[in-house]
Amino acid sequence: VDGTLDIPDLHLDIHVYSDNPADRFVFINMSKQRENSRLPEGPVVEEITPDGVVLEYRGTSFVLRRD
C-alpha cells in the first residue's frame, strides 16, 4: 500500500452553506446530499463548510473544495 486513497471521481456541482446546519446541502455528481448522508460512490458527507465539504471514505477524511 502506497498510502494513497483510491477515491471515486467526485465533482462538487452545487454548494449551499448556512449558519443553520439544517439549511446546508451540496450536489456532488448531481446527487443532493446533506451532512451525514452517504454518496452512491461510497463517501459520507461529514460536514458542509463555507469552503467546501468534508467527506470520509474508508476511515480517511478529506475536503472537496468549491471551485
C-alpha atoms as a PDB file:
ATOM      1  CA  VAL A   1       0.000   0.000   0.000  1.00  0.00           C
ATOM      2  CA  ASP A   2       1.436   3.376  -1.009  1.00  0.00           C
ATOM      3  CA  GLY A   3      -0.675   5.470   1.365  1.00  0.00           C
ATOM      4  CA  THR A   4      -2.891   6.959  -1.324  1.00  0.00           C
ATOM      5  CA  LEU A   5      -6.652   6.652  -1.136  1.00  0.00           C
ATOM      6  CA  ASP A   6      -8.471   5.311  -4.174  1.00  0.00           C
ATOM      7  CA  ILE A   7     -11.259   7.896  -4.181  1.00  0.00           C
ATOM      8  CA  PRO A   8     -14.096   7.773  -6.713  1.00  0.00           C
ATOM      9  CA  ASP A   9     -14.248  10.698  -9.166  1.00  0.00           C
ATOM     10  CA  LEU A  10     -16.262  13.344  -7.306  1.00  0.00           C
ATOM     11  CA  HIS A  11     -17.360  16.771  -8.521  1.00  0.00           C
ATOM     12  CA  LEU A  12     -18.947  19.417  -6.290  1.00  0.00           C
ATOM     13  CA  ASP A  13     -21.701  20.802  -8.534  1.00  0.00           C
ATOM     14  CA  ILE A  14     -23.681  22.965  -6.094  1.00  0.00           C
ATOM     15  CA  HIS A  15     -22.623  24.141  -2.614  1.00  0.00           C
ATOM     16  CA  VAL A  16     -25.052  25.809  -0.198  1.00  0.00           C
ATOM     17  CA  TYR A  17     -23.694  26.822   3.213  1.00  0.00           C
ATOM     18  CA  SER A  18     -25.746  28.349   6.008  1.00  0.00           C
ATOM     19  CA  ASP A  19     -25.087  29.105   9.674  1.00  0.00           C
ATOM     20  CA  ASN A  20     -28.049  26.785  10.304  1.00  0.00           C
ATOM     21  CA  PRO A  21     -26.830  23.202   9.638  1.00  0.00           C
ATOM     22  CA  ALA A  22     -30.350  22.112   8.603  1.00  0.00           C
ATOM     23  CA  ASP A  23     -30.179  24.521   5.643  1.00  0.00           C
ATOM     24  CA  ARG A  24     -26.858  23.223   4.289  1.00  0.00           C
ATOM     25  CA  PHE A  25     -26.698  20.967   1.259  1.00  0.00           C
ATOM     26  CA  VAL A  26     -24.482  20.083  -1.676  1.00  0.00           C
ATOM     27  CA  PHE A  27     -24.866  18.395  -5.015  1.00  0.00           C
ATOM     28  CA  ILE A  28     -21.975  16.002  -5.668  1.00  0.00           C
ATOM     29  CA  ASN A  29     -22.026  14.287  -9.067  1.00  0.00           C
ATOM     30  CA  MET A  30     -25.550  15.776  -9.438  1.00  0.00           C
ATOM     31  CA  SER A  31     -26.772  13.941  -6.315  1.00  0.00           C
ATOM     32  CA  LYS A  32     -28.220  16.099  -3.485  1.00  0.00           C
ATOM     33  CA  GLN A  33     -26.535  15.413  -0.147  1.00  0.00           C
ATOM     34  CA  ARG A  34     -26.776  16.717   3.406  1.00  0.00           C
ATOM     35  CA  GLU A  35     -24.459  16.269   6.375  1.00  0.00           C
ATOM     36  CA  ASN A  36     -24.160  12.608   7.463  1.00  0.00           C
ATOM     37  CA  SER A  37     -25.524  11.269   4.169  1.00  0.00           C
ATOM     38  CA  ARG A  38     -23.684   8.679   2.088  1.00  0.00           C
ATOM     39  CA  LEU A  39     -22.909   9.243  -1.571  1.00  0.00           C
ATOM     40  CA  PRO A  40     -23.768   6.464  -4.053  1.00  0.00           C
ATOM     41  CA  GLU A  41     -19.986   6.312  -4.708  1.00  0.00           C
ATOM     42  CA  GLY A  42     -19.327   5.451  -1.026  1.00  0.00           C
ATOM     43  CA  PRO A  43     -18.005   8.530   0.833  1.00  0.00           C
ATOM     44  CA  VAL A  44     -20.003  10.014   3.725  1.00  0.00           C
ATOM     45  CA  VAL A  45     -20.645  13.772   3.995  1.00  0.00           C
ATOM     46  CA  GLU A  46     -19.179  14.641   7.417  1.00  0.00           C
ATOM     47  CA  GLU A  47     -19.586  18.412   7.301  1.00  0.00           C
ATOM     48  CA  ILE A  48     -20.531  21.154   4.864  1.00  0.00           C
ATOM     49  CA  THR A  49     -18.214  24.117   5.480  1.00  0.00           C
ATOM     50  CA  PRO A  50     -18.054  27.633   3.967  1.00  0.00           C
ATOM     51  CA  ASP A  51     -15.198  26.444   1.713  1.00  0.00           C
ATOM     52  CA  GLY A  52     -16.493  23.058   0.599  1.00  0.00           C
ATOM     53  CA  VAL A  53     -17.433  19.709   2.055  1.00  0.00           C
ATOM     54  CA  VAL A  54     -15.592  17.318   4.379  1.00  0.00           C
ATOM     55  CA  LEU A  55     -16.014  13.728   3.239  1.00  0.00           C
ATOM     56  CA  GLU A  56     -14.997  10.480   4.946  1.00  0.00           C
ATOM     57  CA  TYR A  57     -14.071   7.446   2.885  1.00  0.00           C
ATOM     58  CA  ARG A  58     -12.698   4.169   4.266  1.00  0.00           C
ATOM     59  CA  GLY A  59     -11.598   5.822   7.514  1.00  0.00           C
ATOM     60  CA  THR A  60      -9.943   8.869   5.935  1.00  0.00           C
ATOM     61  CA  SER A  61     -11.405  12.379   5.920  1.00  0.00           C
ATOM     62  CA  PHE A  62     -10.691  14.793   3.086  1.00  0.00           C
ATOM     63  CA  VAL A  63     -12.024  18.098   1.752  1.00  0.00           C
ATOM     64  CA  LEU A  64     -13.754  18.551  -1.572  1.00  0.00           C
ATOM     65  CA  ARG A  65     -13.368  22.284  -2.233  1.00  0.00           C
ATOM     66  CA  ARG A  66     -15.675  24.590  -4.131  1.00  0.00           C
ATOM     67  CA  ASP A  67     -14.231  25.668  -7.448  1.00  0.00           C
END
